[in-house]
Amino acid sequence: MHNILHRTTYWLFMAVIILVSCEKLEIPEADKDDAEQPEHPTNNENSGNNDDVITDDYNEDDPYQGWGSLENMINNGGTIARPYRAKDLAKGELGEWVVSHDVASMPNCWVEGYIVGYVKGTSMSSAILFKNGSKETNILIASDTTNIDASDCVPIGLSKGSSYIKTREALNLKDNPEIMRRKVKVLGSISKYMGTAGLKNARDYRFTDGK
């Protein structure tokens, strides 16, 4: 009986030692910095921060204005700080996209160019360049004032509504012939207009030629 008790005590003691030893054996964890982390959306995909997209040192020949691609240009451009250029809509990929997709409205976009005329009728075939306007409903802007024709121009619609009337009164060539050839930024909705890429419902403007 004494031997049985002794053996039982011995094996209980050994079991306790084994359990304690096992608790002290720790498998090293991978360093947190080296461990695989879940992927997170980039700033551009999630927060709207464009710092990793925009390039400030673009030149005038860059078709994307430093945005890197047409998609980035569409999603991020057209701001007052970096407006679309008239040539982007008249002859660039942006204008081709607007026409080919029959875009109804890209709201709150700024476009910049020189005031060069107006459209007498309802299509660009009746564009009148460098003559005083006989209509208050639209103007044409272009990225240059020399060696241009209607294909270089963007029609800007000047609406009558209360949100648009101040811009209409300031920019129409019928009442303001002296603004011909002035450089201006205009805010409105880019859309297919008069058969081409244009800007409708102009509701704000800034002259940018320092005059």
N, C-alpha and C. Protein backbone atom coordinates (compact mmCIF):
# COMPACT_ATOMS: atom_id res chain seq x y z
N MET A 1 0.84 -1.20 0.00
CA MET A 1 0.00 0.00 0.00
C MET A 1 0.87 1.24 0.00
N HIS A 2 1.93 1.19 0.83
CA HIS A 2 2.83 2.31 0.91
C HIS A 2 3.51 2.57 -0.43
N ASN A 3 3.90 1.45 -1.13
CA ASN A 3 4.56 1.58 -2.44
C ASN A 3 3.62 2.19 -3.47
N ILE A 4 2.37 1.76 -3.43
CA ILE A 4 1.39 2.29 -4.40
C ILE A 4 1.21 3.78 -4.20
N LEU A 5 1.13 4.21 -2.94
CA LEU A 5 0.97 5.64 -2.64
C LEU A 5 2.19 6.42 -3.10
N HIS A 6 3.36 5.81 -2.88
CA HIS A 6 4.60 6.48 -3.28
C HIS A 6 4.65 6.68 -4.79
N ARG A 7 4.28 5.58 -5.54
CA ARG A 7 4.31 5.69 -7.00
C ARG A 7 3.32 6.73 -7.49
N THR A 8 2.14 6.75 -6.86
CA THR A 8 1.11 7.72 -7.28
C THR A 8 1.60 9.13 -7.07
N THR A 9 2.22 9.36 -5.91
CA THR A 9 2.74 10.70 -5.61
C THR A 9 3.82 11.09 -6.60
N TYR A 10 4.69 10.10 -6.94
CA TYR A 10 5.79 10.35 -7.88
C TYR A 10 5.25 10.79 -9.23
N TRP A 11 4.26 10.03 -9.74
CA TRP A 11 3.75 10.36 -11.08
C TRP A 11 2.96 11.67 -11.10
N LEU A 12 2.28 11.99 -10.03
CA LEU A 12 1.61 13.28 -9.93
C LEU A 12 2.62 14.41 -9.95
N PHE A 13 3.73 14.20 -9.23
CA PHE A 13 4.78 15.21 -9.19
C PHE A 13 5.38 15.42 -10.57
N MET A 14 5.65 14.30 -11.29
CA MET A 14 6.22 14.39 -12.64
C MET A 14 5.25 15.09 -13.60
N ALA A 15 3.97 14.83 -13.45
CA ALA A 15 2.98 15.45 -14.33
C ALA A 15 2.95 16.95 -14.15
N VAL A 16 3.07 17.38 -12.87
CA VAL A 16 3.10 18.83 -12.59
C VAL A 16 4.31 19.47 -13.23
N ILE A 17 5.48 18.82 -13.13
CA ILE A 17 6.72 19.35 -13.72
C ILE A 17 6.57 19.49 -15.24
N ILE A 18 5.98 18.48 -15.87
CA ILE A 18 5.81 18.50 -17.34
C ILE A 18 4.89 19.62 -17.75
N LEU A 19 3.79 19.82 -17.01
CA LEU A 19 2.84 20.88 -17.34
C LEU A 19 3.47 22.27 -17.22
N VAL A 20 4.25 22.47 -16.14
CA VAL A 20 4.92 23.76 -15.94
C VAL A 20 5.92 24.02 -17.04
N SER A 21 6.65 22.99 -17.45
CA SER A 21 7.65 23.13 -18.51
C SER A 21 6.99 23.50 -19.83
N CYS A 22 5.85 22.89 -20.10
CA CYS A 22 5.14 23.17 -21.35
C CYS A 22 4.66 24.62 -21.40
N GLU A 23 4.22 25.13 -20.25
CA GLU A 23 3.73 26.51 -20.22
C GLU A 23 4.84 27.51 -20.52
N LYS A 24 6.07 27.16 -20.20
CA LYS A 24 7.19 28.07 -20.41
C LYS A 24 7.73 28.01 -21.83
N LEU A 25 7.36 26.95 -22.58
CA LEU A 25 7.84 26.84 -23.96
C LEU A 25 6.96 27.71 -24.85
N GLU A 26 7.50 28.85 -25.32
CA GLU A 26 6.74 29.77 -26.17
C GLU A 26 7.30 29.74 -27.59
N ILE A 27 6.42 29.62 -28.52
CA ILE A 27 6.84 29.68 -29.92
C ILE A 27 7.01 31.14 -30.29
N PRO A 28 8.16 31.57 -30.79
CA PRO A 28 8.38 32.99 -31.10
C PRO A 28 7.38 33.49 -32.13
N GLU A 29 6.81 34.69 -31.87
CA GLU A 29 5.89 35.30 -32.83
C GLU A 29 6.67 36.04 -33.90
N ALA A 30 6.09 36.11 -35.08
CA ALA A 30 6.72 36.88 -36.15
C ALA A 30 6.73 38.35 -35.77
N ASP A 31 7.78 39.04 -36.14
CA ASP A 31 7.87 40.46 -35.88
C ASP A 31 6.70 41.17 -36.54
N LYS A 32 6.03 42.10 -35.82
CA LYS A 32 4.83 42.75 -36.34
C LYS A 32 5.10 43.52 -37.61
N ASP A 33 6.29 44.08 -37.70
CA ASP A 33 6.62 44.84 -38.91
C ASP A 33 6.79 43.95 -40.12
N ASP A 34 7.16 42.70 -39.91
CA ASP A 34 7.36 41.77 -41.01
C ASP A 34 6.12 40.98 -41.34
N ALA A 35 5.18 40.95 -40.41
CA ALA A 35 3.98 40.15 -40.63
C ALA A 35 3.13 40.74 -41.75
N GLU A 36 2.42 39.89 -42.46
CA GLU A 36 1.55 40.36 -43.55
C GLU A 36 0.38 41.14 -42.97
N GLN A 37 0.16 42.36 -43.49
CA GLN A 37 -0.90 43.21 -43.00
C GLN A 37 -2.04 43.23 -44.02
N PRO A 38 -3.27 43.46 -43.56
CA PRO A 38 -4.38 43.57 -44.50
C PRO A 38 -4.20 44.78 -45.40
N GLU A 39 -4.61 44.65 -46.65
CA GLU A 39 -4.47 45.74 -47.60
C GLU A 39 -5.53 46.80 -47.32
N HIS A 40 -5.15 48.04 -47.52
CA HIS A 40 -6.06 49.17 -47.34
C HIS A 40 -6.13 49.93 -48.65
N PRO A 41 -7.26 50.56 -48.95
CA PRO A 41 -7.36 51.36 -50.15
C PRO A 41 -6.34 52.50 -50.12
N THR A 42 -5.85 52.90 -51.28
CA THR A 42 -4.98 54.05 -51.34
C THR A 42 -5.78 55.30 -51.05
N ASN A 43 -5.08 56.39 -50.77
CA ASN A 43 -5.76 57.66 -50.50
C ASN A 43 -6.67 58.04 -51.65
N ASN A 44 -6.20 57.79 -52.88
CA ASN A 44 -6.97 58.22 -54.04
C ASN A 44 -8.26 57.43 -54.20
N GLU A 45 -8.24 56.19 -53.75
CA GLU A 45 -9.43 55.36 -53.86
C GLU A 45 -10.44 55.65 -52.75
N ASN A 46 -9.94 56.10 -51.61
CA ASN A 46 -10.82 56.15 -50.45
C ASN A 46 -11.09 57.55 -49.94
N SER A 47 -10.05 58.37 -49.78
CA SER A 47 -10.23 59.65 -49.10
C SER A 47 -10.33 60.83 -50.03
N GLY A 48 -10.07 60.62 -51.31
CA GLY A 48 -10.14 61.73 -52.24
C GLY A 48 -8.90 62.60 -52.23
N ASN A 49 -7.83 62.16 -51.55
CA ASN A 49 -6.57 62.90 -51.55
C ASN A 49 -5.86 62.63 -52.86
N ASN A 50 -5.61 63.68 -53.64
CA ASN A 50 -5.05 63.51 -54.97
C ASN A 50 -3.55 63.76 -55.02
N ASP A 51 -2.89 63.87 -53.86
CA ASP A 51 -1.48 64.23 -53.86
C ASP A 51 -0.63 63.22 -54.59
N ASP A 52 -1.07 61.94 -54.62
CA ASP A 52 -0.28 60.93 -55.29
C ASP A 52 -0.62 60.82 -56.76
N VAL A 53 -1.51 61.66 -57.25
CA VAL A 53 -1.93 61.61 -58.65
C VAL A 53 -1.45 62.83 -59.42
N ILE A 54 -1.66 64.00 -58.84
CA ILE A 54 -1.39 65.24 -59.54
C ILE A 54 0.11 65.52 -59.63
N THR A 55 0.53 66.07 -60.74
CA THR A 55 1.90 66.48 -60.96
C THR A 55 1.91 67.96 -61.32
N ASP A 56 2.64 68.75 -60.56
CA ASP A 56 2.62 70.19 -60.77
C ASP A 56 3.53 70.65 -61.90
N ASP A 57 4.48 69.83 -62.30
CA ASP A 57 5.44 70.28 -63.29
C ASP A 57 5.07 69.84 -64.71
N TYR A 58 3.79 69.78 -65.02
CA TYR A 58 3.37 69.42 -66.37
C TYR A 58 3.56 70.62 -67.29
N ASN A 59 3.65 70.36 -68.59
CA ASN A 59 3.76 71.45 -69.54
C ASN A 59 2.47 71.55 -70.36
N GLU A 60 2.39 72.58 -71.17
CA GLU A 60 1.15 72.84 -71.91
C GLU A 60 0.85 71.76 -72.95
N ASP A 61 1.86 70.97 -73.31
CA ASP A 61 1.64 69.90 -74.28
C ASP A 61 1.13 68.62 -73.63
N ASP A 62 1.11 68.58 -72.31
CA ASP A 62 0.64 67.39 -71.60
C ASP A 62 -0.88 67.29 -71.76
N PRO A 63 -1.37 66.25 -72.43
CA PRO A 63 -2.82 66.16 -72.68
C PRO A 63 -3.64 65.91 -71.43
N TYR A 64 -2.98 65.50 -70.34
CA TYR A 64 -3.71 65.20 -69.11
C TYR A 64 -3.44 66.22 -68.00
N GLN A 65 -2.78 67.31 -68.32
CA GLN A 65 -2.51 68.38 -67.34
C GLN A 65 -1.79 67.88 -66.09
N GLY A 66 -0.98 66.87 -66.23
CA GLY A 66 -0.25 66.36 -65.08
C GLY A 66 -1.01 65.32 -64.27
N TRP A 67 -2.24 64.97 -64.70
CA TRP A 67 -3.02 63.98 -63.95
C TRP A 67 -2.59 62.55 -64.25
N GLY A 68 -1.89 62.34 -65.34
CA GLY A 68 -1.36 61.02 -65.64
C GLY A 68 -2.22 60.16 -66.54
N SER A 69 -3.53 60.39 -66.54
CA SER A 69 -4.43 59.59 -67.38
C SER A 69 -5.73 60.35 -67.58
N LEU A 70 -6.48 59.96 -68.61
CA LEU A 70 -7.77 60.59 -68.85
C LEU A 70 -8.71 60.35 -67.68
N GLU A 71 -8.70 59.15 -67.12
CA GLU A 71 -9.59 58.83 -66.01
C GLU A 71 -9.33 59.75 -64.81
N ASN A 72 -8.05 59.92 -64.47
CA ASN A 72 -7.72 60.81 -63.36
C ASN A 72 -8.10 62.25 -63.67
N MET A 73 -7.92 62.63 -64.92
CA MET A 73 -8.26 63.99 -65.33
C MET A 73 -9.76 64.24 -65.20
N ILE A 74 -10.56 63.27 -65.60
CA ILE A 74 -12.02 63.39 -65.50
C ILE A 74 -12.45 63.46 -64.03
N ASN A 75 -11.85 62.60 -63.20
CA ASN A 75 -12.28 62.49 -61.80
C ASN A 75 -11.76 63.62 -60.92
N ASN A 76 -10.63 64.22 -61.29
CA ASN A 76 -9.99 65.16 -60.39
C ASN A 76 -9.80 66.57 -60.94
N GLY A 77 -9.88 66.72 -62.25
CA GLY A 77 -9.61 68.02 -62.86
C GLY A 77 -10.82 68.94 -62.84
N GLY A 78 -10.68 70.06 -63.54
CA GLY A 78 -11.79 71.00 -63.64
C GLY A 78 -12.02 71.83 -62.39
N THR A 79 -10.99 71.97 -61.56
CA THR A 79 -11.10 72.80 -60.36
C THR A 79 -10.73 74.24 -60.71
N ILE A 80 -11.04 75.16 -59.80
CA ILE A 80 -10.67 76.55 -60.07
C ILE A 80 -9.15 76.71 -60.10
N ALA A 81 -8.45 75.88 -59.31
CA ALA A 81 -6.98 75.94 -59.30
C ALA A 81 -6.38 75.31 -60.56
N ARG A 82 -7.03 74.30 -61.07
CA ARG A 82 -6.55 73.65 -62.29
C ARG A 82 -7.75 73.38 -63.20
N PRO A 83 -8.22 74.42 -63.87
CA PRO A 83 -9.38 74.25 -64.75
C PRO A 83 -9.01 73.46 -66.00
N TYR A 84 -10.03 72.86 -66.62
CA TYR A 84 -9.79 72.27 -67.93
C TYR A 84 -9.49 73.40 -68.90
N ARG A 85 -8.62 73.14 -69.86
CA ARG A 85 -8.31 74.12 -70.88
C ARG A 85 -9.30 73.96 -72.03
N ALA A 86 -9.54 75.05 -72.72
CA ALA A 86 -10.47 74.97 -73.84
C ALA A 86 -10.04 73.90 -74.83
N LYS A 87 -8.75 73.80 -75.07
CA LYS A 87 -8.27 72.81 -76.04
C LYS A 87 -8.49 71.37 -75.58
N ASP A 88 -8.60 71.16 -74.25
CA ASP A 88 -8.90 69.81 -73.75
C ASP A 88 -10.28 69.35 -74.21
N LEU A 89 -11.20 70.30 -74.30
CA LEU A 89 -12.56 69.97 -74.73
C LEU A 89 -12.71 70.06 -76.24
N ALA A 90 -12.03 71.02 -76.85
CA ALA A 90 -12.21 71.23 -78.29
C ALA A 90 -11.54 70.14 -79.12
N LYS A 91 -10.31 69.76 -78.74
CA LYS A 91 -9.57 68.81 -79.56
C LYS A 91 -8.85 67.72 -78.76
N GLY A 92 -9.05 67.67 -77.47
CA GLY A 92 -8.37 66.69 -76.64
C GLY A 92 -9.20 65.45 -76.38
N GLU A 93 -8.59 64.51 -75.68
CA GLU A 93 -9.27 63.25 -75.36
C GLU A 93 -10.49 63.48 -74.47
N LEU A 94 -10.41 64.50 -73.62
CA LEU A 94 -11.56 64.80 -72.76
C LEU A 94 -12.78 65.15 -73.60
N GLY A 95 -12.60 66.01 -74.59
CA GLY A 95 -13.71 66.37 -75.46
C GLY A 95 -14.23 65.19 -76.25
N GLU A 96 -13.32 64.35 -76.74
CA GLU A 96 -13.74 63.16 -77.48
C GLU A 96 -14.57 62.25 -76.58
N TRP A 97 -14.16 62.13 -75.33
CA TRP A 97 -14.91 61.29 -74.38
C TRP A 97 -16.30 61.86 -74.13
N VAL A 98 -16.40 63.18 -73.96
CA VAL A 98 -17.70 63.82 -73.71
C VAL A 98 -18.65 63.56 -74.88
N VAL A 99 -18.15 63.71 -76.10
CA VAL A 99 -18.99 63.53 -77.28
C VAL A 99 -19.34 62.06 -77.49
N SER A 100 -18.35 61.18 -77.39
CA SER A 100 -18.60 59.76 -77.66
C SER A 100 -19.52 59.13 -76.63
N HIS A 101 -19.51 59.63 -75.40
CA HIS A 101 -20.39 59.11 -74.35
C HIS A 101 -21.67 59.92 -74.22
N ASP A 102 -21.82 60.91 -75.11
CA ASP A 102 -23.02 61.76 -75.10
C ASP A 102 -23.31 62.25 -73.68
N VAL A 103 -22.28 62.78 -73.04
CA VAL A 103 -22.37 63.18 -71.63
C VAL A 103 -23.42 64.26 -71.45
N ALA A 104 -24.33 64.02 -70.51
CA ALA A 104 -25.39 64.99 -70.24
C ALA A 104 -24.93 66.07 -69.27
N SER A 105 -24.08 65.69 -68.30
CA SER A 105 -23.63 66.70 -67.34
C SER A 105 -22.46 66.21 -66.51
N MET A 106 -21.37 66.99 -66.53
CA MET A 106 -20.29 66.87 -65.55
C MET A 106 -20.34 68.18 -64.75
N PRO A 107 -21.06 68.20 -63.64
CA PRO A 107 -21.33 69.47 -62.94
C PRO A 107 -20.10 70.05 -62.25
N ASN A 108 -20.19 71.34 -61.98
CA ASN A 108 -19.19 72.05 -61.17
C ASN A 108 -17.79 71.94 -61.73
N CYS A 109 -17.66 72.18 -63.02
CA CYS A 109 -16.35 72.15 -63.67
C CYS A 109 -15.96 73.56 -64.13
N TRP A 110 -14.69 73.88 -63.93
CA TRP A 110 -14.14 75.13 -64.43
C TRP A 110 -13.41 74.86 -65.74
N VAL A 111 -13.62 75.75 -66.72
CA VAL A 111 -12.94 75.68 -68.01
C VAL A 111 -12.35 77.05 -68.28
N GLU A 112 -11.13 77.07 -68.84
CA GLU A 112 -10.45 78.35 -69.07
C GLU A 112 -10.08 78.53 -70.53
N GLY A 113 -10.23 79.75 -71.01
CA GLY A 113 -9.82 80.07 -72.37
C GLY A 113 -10.06 81.55 -72.67
N TYR A 114 -9.73 81.92 -73.89
CA TYR A 114 -9.94 83.29 -74.34
C TYR A 114 -11.31 83.41 -75.02
N ILE A 115 -12.01 84.49 -74.73
CA ILE A 115 -13.29 84.73 -75.39
C ILE A 115 -13.01 85.14 -76.84
N VAL A 116 -13.55 84.38 -77.77
CA VAL A 116 -13.21 84.62 -79.18
C VAL A 116 -14.44 84.78 -80.08
N GLY A 117 -15.64 84.64 -79.56
CA GLY A 117 -16.81 84.79 -80.40
C GLY A 117 -18.05 84.20 -79.78
N TYR A 118 -18.98 83.81 -80.63
CA TYR A 118 -20.25 83.25 -80.17
C TYR A 118 -20.84 82.42 -81.31
N VAL A 119 -21.93 81.73 -81.02
CA VAL A 119 -22.63 80.92 -82.02
C VAL A 119 -23.96 81.59 -82.32
N LYS A 120 -24.18 81.88 -83.59
CA LYS A 120 -25.39 82.60 -83.99
C LYS A 120 -26.62 81.70 -84.01
N GLY A 121 -26.43 80.45 -84.38
CA GLY A 121 -27.54 79.51 -84.47
C GLY A 121 -27.53 78.49 -83.36
N THR A 122 -27.70 77.23 -83.72
CA THR A 122 -27.78 76.16 -82.72
C THR A 122 -26.68 75.11 -82.89
N SER A 123 -25.73 75.36 -83.78
CA SER A 123 -24.63 74.42 -83.97
C SER A 123 -23.36 75.20 -84.28
N MET A 124 -22.23 74.53 -84.15
CA MET A 124 -20.95 75.18 -84.36
C MET A 124 -20.73 75.63 -85.80
N SER A 125 -21.56 75.15 -86.71
CA SER A 125 -21.42 75.60 -88.11
C SER A 125 -21.77 77.08 -88.27
N SER A 126 -22.44 77.65 -87.27
CA SER A 126 -22.78 79.07 -87.33
C SER A 126 -21.95 79.90 -86.35
N ALA A 127 -20.74 79.40 -86.04
CA ALA A 127 -19.84 80.13 -85.14
C ALA A 127 -19.37 81.42 -85.79
N ILE A 128 -19.35 82.47 -85.00
CA ILE A 128 -18.87 83.78 -85.44
C ILE A 128 -17.67 84.16 -84.57
N LEU A 129 -16.52 84.35 -85.21
CA LEU A 129 -15.31 84.63 -84.46
C LEU A 129 -14.89 86.09 -84.59
N PHE A 130 -14.48 86.66 -83.48
CA PHE A 130 -13.90 87.99 -83.40
C PHE A 130 -14.80 89.09 -83.96
N LYS A 131 -16.10 88.91 -83.75
CA LYS A 131 -17.06 89.96 -84.10
C LYS A 131 -17.98 90.17 -82.91
N ASN A 132 -18.43 91.41 -82.75
CA ASN A 132 -19.33 91.70 -81.64
C ASN A 132 -20.57 90.82 -81.73
N GLY A 133 -21.02 90.33 -80.59
CA GLY A 133 -22.13 89.40 -80.57
C GLY A 133 -23.48 90.04 -80.78
N SER A 134 -24.36 89.28 -81.40
CA SER A 134 -25.75 89.73 -81.54
C SER A 134 -26.67 88.88 -80.67
N LYS A 135 -26.06 87.98 -79.89
CA LYS A 135 -26.84 87.10 -79.02
C LYS A 135 -26.26 87.14 -77.61
N GLU A 136 -27.13 86.94 -76.65
CA GLU A 136 -26.72 86.92 -75.24
C GLU A 136 -26.62 85.50 -74.69
N THR A 137 -26.94 84.52 -75.50
CA THR A 137 -27.13 83.17 -74.98
C THR A 137 -25.86 82.33 -74.90
N ASN A 138 -24.78 82.75 -75.53
CA ASN A 138 -23.57 81.93 -75.50
C ASN A 138 -22.34 82.75 -75.90
N ILE A 139 -21.19 82.21 -75.57
CA ILE A 139 -19.91 82.71 -76.07
C ILE A 139 -19.06 81.52 -76.48
N LEU A 140 -17.99 81.77 -77.17
CA LEU A 140 -17.01 80.76 -77.52
C LEU A 140 -15.69 81.10 -76.86
N ILE A 141 -15.01 80.10 -76.33
CA ILE A 141 -13.67 80.32 -75.81
C ILE A 141 -12.71 79.36 -76.50
N ALA A 142 -11.44 79.75 -76.56
CA ALA A 142 -10.39 78.93 -77.17
C ALA A 142 -9.11 79.11 -76.37
N SER A 143 -8.17 78.21 -76.55
CA SER A 143 -6.91 78.28 -75.82
C SER A 143 -5.92 79.23 -76.46
N ASP A 144 -6.27 79.79 -77.61
CA ASP A 144 -5.41 80.74 -78.29
C ASP A 144 -6.30 81.74 -79.01
N THR A 145 -5.70 82.82 -79.47
CA THR A 145 -6.47 83.83 -80.20
C THR A 145 -5.97 84.03 -81.62
N THR A 146 -5.03 83.20 -82.04
CA THR A 146 -4.49 83.32 -83.40
C THR A 146 -4.60 81.98 -84.11
N ASN A 147 -4.80 82.06 -85.41
CA ASN A 147 -4.86 80.87 -86.27
C ASN A 147 -5.85 79.82 -85.74
N ILE A 148 -7.04 80.26 -85.43
CA ILE A 148 -8.04 79.33 -84.92
C ILE A 148 -9.28 79.35 -85.81
N ASP A 149 -10.06 78.29 -85.71
CA ASP A 149 -11.37 78.24 -86.35
C ASP A 149 -12.36 77.62 -85.36
N ALA A 150 -13.55 77.33 -85.81
CA ALA A 150 -14.59 76.84 -84.91
C ALA A 150 -14.21 75.54 -84.20
N SER A 151 -13.39 74.73 -84.85
CA SER A 151 -13.01 73.45 -84.25
C SER A 151 -12.12 73.61 -83.03
N ASP A 152 -11.54 74.79 -82.85
CA ASP A 152 -10.69 75.06 -81.69
C ASP A 152 -11.48 75.64 -80.52
N CYS A 153 -12.79 75.81 -80.71
CA CYS A 153 -13.58 76.56 -79.73
C CYS A 153 -14.52 75.68 -78.91
N VAL A 154 -14.82 76.18 -77.73
CA VAL A 154 -15.76 75.53 -76.81
C VAL A 154 -16.94 76.46 -76.60
N PRO A 155 -18.17 76.01 -76.88
CA PRO A 155 -19.34 76.85 -76.63
C PRO A 155 -19.70 76.88 -75.15
N ILE A 156 -19.97 78.07 -74.66
CA ILE A 156 -20.35 78.27 -73.27
C ILE A 156 -21.78 78.79 -73.23
N GLY A 157 -22.69 78.03 -72.65
CA GLY A 157 -24.08 78.44 -72.59
C GLY A 157 -24.34 79.42 -71.45
N LEU A 158 -24.97 80.55 -71.78
CA LEU A 158 -25.28 81.58 -70.78
C LEU A 158 -26.79 81.57 -70.54
N SER A 159 -27.19 80.97 -69.44
CA SER A 159 -28.62 80.79 -69.15
C SER A 159 -29.20 82.01 -68.44
N LYS A 160 -30.56 82.05 -68.42
CA LYS A 160 -31.27 83.17 -67.83
C LYS A 160 -31.61 83.00 -66.36
N GLY A 161 -31.58 81.80 -65.87
CA GLY A 161 -32.04 81.53 -64.51
C GLY A 161 -31.36 82.39 -63.46
N SER A 162 -31.97 82.48 -62.30
CA SER A 162 -31.47 83.35 -61.24
C SER A 162 -30.06 82.98 -60.79
N SER A 163 -29.70 81.71 -60.92
CA SER A 163 -28.36 81.28 -60.53
C SER A 163 -27.30 81.64 -61.57
N TYR A 164 -27.75 82.01 -62.77
CA TYR A 164 -26.83 82.20 -63.89
C TYR A 164 -26.82 83.62 -64.44
N ILE A 165 -27.78 84.45 -64.07
CA ILE A 165 -27.99 85.72 -64.75
C ILE A 165 -26.81 86.67 -64.63
N LYS A 166 -26.13 86.69 -63.47
CA LYS A 166 -24.99 87.59 -63.31
C LYS A 166 -23.85 87.22 -64.26
N THR A 167 -23.63 85.94 -64.43
CA THR A 167 -22.60 85.49 -65.36
C THR A 167 -23.00 85.81 -66.79
N ARG A 168 -24.25 85.60 -67.12
CA ARG A 168 -24.75 85.93 -68.46
C ARG A 168 -24.58 87.42 -68.76
N GLU A 169 -24.93 88.25 -67.79
CA GLU A 169 -24.83 89.69 -68.00
C GLU A 169 -23.39 90.15 -68.16
N ALA A 170 -22.46 89.46 -67.50
CA ALA A 170 -21.05 89.87 -67.54
C ALA A 170 -20.29 89.34 -68.76
N LEU A 171 -20.72 88.20 -69.29
CA LEU A 171 -19.91 87.54 -70.32
C LEU A 171 -20.49 87.59 -71.73
N ASN A 172 -21.73 87.99 -71.92
CA ASN A 172 -22.24 87.98 -73.29
C ASN A 172 -21.62 89.13 -74.08
N LEU A 173 -21.33 88.86 -75.34
CA LEU A 173 -20.63 89.83 -76.19
C LEU A 173 -21.55 90.91 -76.74
N LYS A 174 -22.84 90.71 -76.70
CA LYS A 174 -23.77 91.74 -77.16
C LYS A 174 -23.67 92.97 -76.27
N ASP A 175 -23.62 92.75 -74.97
CA ASP A 175 -23.55 93.87 -74.02
C ASP A 175 -22.13 94.23 -73.60
N ASN A 176 -21.19 93.33 -73.88
CA ASN A 176 -19.81 93.55 -73.41
C ASN A 176 -18.80 93.28 -74.52
N PRO A 177 -18.83 94.04 -75.59
CA PRO A 177 -17.91 93.78 -76.70
C PRO A 177 -16.44 93.93 -76.31
N GLU A 178 -16.19 94.69 -75.26
CA GLU A 178 -14.80 94.94 -74.84
C GLU A 178 -14.11 93.71 -74.25
N ILE A 179 -14.86 92.66 -73.92
CA ILE A 179 -14.24 91.47 -73.33
C ILE A 179 -13.73 90.48 -74.39
N MET A 180 -13.91 90.81 -75.65
CA MET A 180 -13.36 89.95 -76.71
C MET A 180 -11.85 89.79 -76.50
N ARG A 181 -11.38 88.56 -76.60
CA ARG A 181 -9.98 88.16 -76.43
C ARG A 181 -9.51 88.16 -74.97
N ARG A 182 -10.39 88.42 -74.04
CA ARG A 182 -9.99 88.33 -72.64
C ARG A 182 -9.98 86.87 -72.18
N LYS A 183 -9.06 86.57 -71.27
CA LYS A 183 -8.95 85.20 -70.75
C LYS A 183 -9.82 85.07 -69.52
N VAL A 184 -10.56 83.97 -69.45
CA VAL A 184 -11.54 83.81 -68.39
C VAL A 184 -11.67 82.34 -67.98
N LYS A 185 -11.95 82.14 -66.70
CA LYS A 185 -12.36 80.82 -66.20
C LYS A 185 -13.86 80.88 -66.00
N VAL A 186 -14.55 79.82 -66.44
CA VAL A 186 -16.01 79.78 -66.32
C VAL A 186 -16.41 78.48 -65.63
N LEU A 187 -17.34 78.59 -64.69
CA LEU A 187 -17.85 77.42 -63.96
C LEU A 187 -19.22 77.02 -64.49
N GLY A 188 -19.38 75.74 -64.77
CA GLY A 188 -20.67 75.24 -65.24
C GLY A 188 -20.64 73.73 -65.33
N SER A 189 -21.52 73.19 -66.20
CA SER A 189 -21.62 71.74 -66.38
C SER A 189 -21.14 71.35 -67.77
N ILE A 190 -20.10 70.56 -67.82
CA ILE A 190 -19.61 70.07 -69.11
C ILE A 190 -20.60 69.07 -69.66
N SER A 191 -20.91 69.21 -70.94
CA SER A 191 -21.84 68.29 -71.59
C SER A 191 -21.67 68.39 -73.09
N LYS A 192 -22.32 67.50 -73.79
CA LYS A 192 -22.38 67.62 -75.24
C LYS A 192 -23.34 68.76 -75.55
N TYR A 193 -22.85 69.75 -76.27
CA TYR A 193 -23.59 71.00 -76.47
C TYR A 193 -23.28 71.52 -77.86
N MET A 194 -24.32 71.81 -78.62
CA MET A 194 -24.16 72.27 -80.01
C MET A 194 -23.35 71.29 -80.84
N GLY A 195 -23.51 70.02 -80.52
CA GLY A 195 -22.86 68.97 -81.30
C GLY A 195 -21.42 68.71 -80.93
N THR A 196 -20.91 69.40 -79.91
CA THR A 196 -19.52 69.22 -79.51
C THR A 196 -19.43 69.25 -77.99
N ALA A 197 -18.21 69.19 -77.47
CA ALA A 197 -18.03 69.27 -76.02
C ALA A 197 -18.09 70.73 -75.60
N GLY A 198 -19.00 71.05 -74.69
CA GLY A 198 -19.17 72.43 -74.27
C GLY A 198 -19.47 72.54 -72.79
N LEU A 199 -19.85 73.75 -72.39
CA LEU A 199 -20.17 74.03 -70.99
C LEU A 199 -21.54 74.70 -70.94
N LYS A 200 -22.47 74.09 -70.23
CA LYS A 200 -23.81 74.66 -70.09
C LYS A 200 -23.98 75.32 -68.72
N ASN A 201 -24.99 76.19 -68.65
CA ASN A 201 -25.39 76.80 -67.38
C ASN A 201 -24.22 77.43 -66.63
N ALA A 202 -23.50 78.29 -67.32
CA ALA A 202 -22.38 78.99 -66.68
C ALA A 202 -22.91 79.81 -65.50
N ARG A 203 -22.32 79.62 -64.34
CA ARG A 203 -22.86 80.28 -63.14
C ARG A 203 -21.82 81.05 -62.33
N ASP A 204 -20.57 81.04 -62.79
CA ASP A 204 -19.54 81.85 -62.13
C ASP A 204 -18.41 82.04 -63.12
N TYR A 205 -17.58 83.03 -62.88
CA TYR A 205 -16.47 83.30 -63.80
C TYR A 205 -15.40 84.09 -63.07
N ARG A 206 -14.17 84.04 -63.62
CA ARG A 206 -13.05 84.83 -63.14
C ARG A 206 -12.22 85.22 -64.36
N PHE A 207 -12.02 86.51 -64.57
CA PHE A 207 -11.07 86.93 -65.59
C PHE A 207 -9.66 86.69 -65.05
N THR A 208 -8.81 86.11 -65.87
CA THR A 208 -7.49 85.68 -65.41
C THR A 208 -6.35 86.33 -66.18
N ASP A 209 -6.66 87.38 -66.94
CA ASP A 209 -5.61 88.04 -67.73
C ASP A 209 -5.05 89.29 -67.06
N GLY A 210 -5.51 89.57 -65.85
CA GLY A 210 -4.97 90.71 -65.11
C GLY A 210 -5.43 92.07 -65.57
N LYS A 211 -6.39 92.12 -66.50
CA LYS A 211 -6.85 93.42 -67.00
C LYS A 211 -7.95 93.98 -66.11
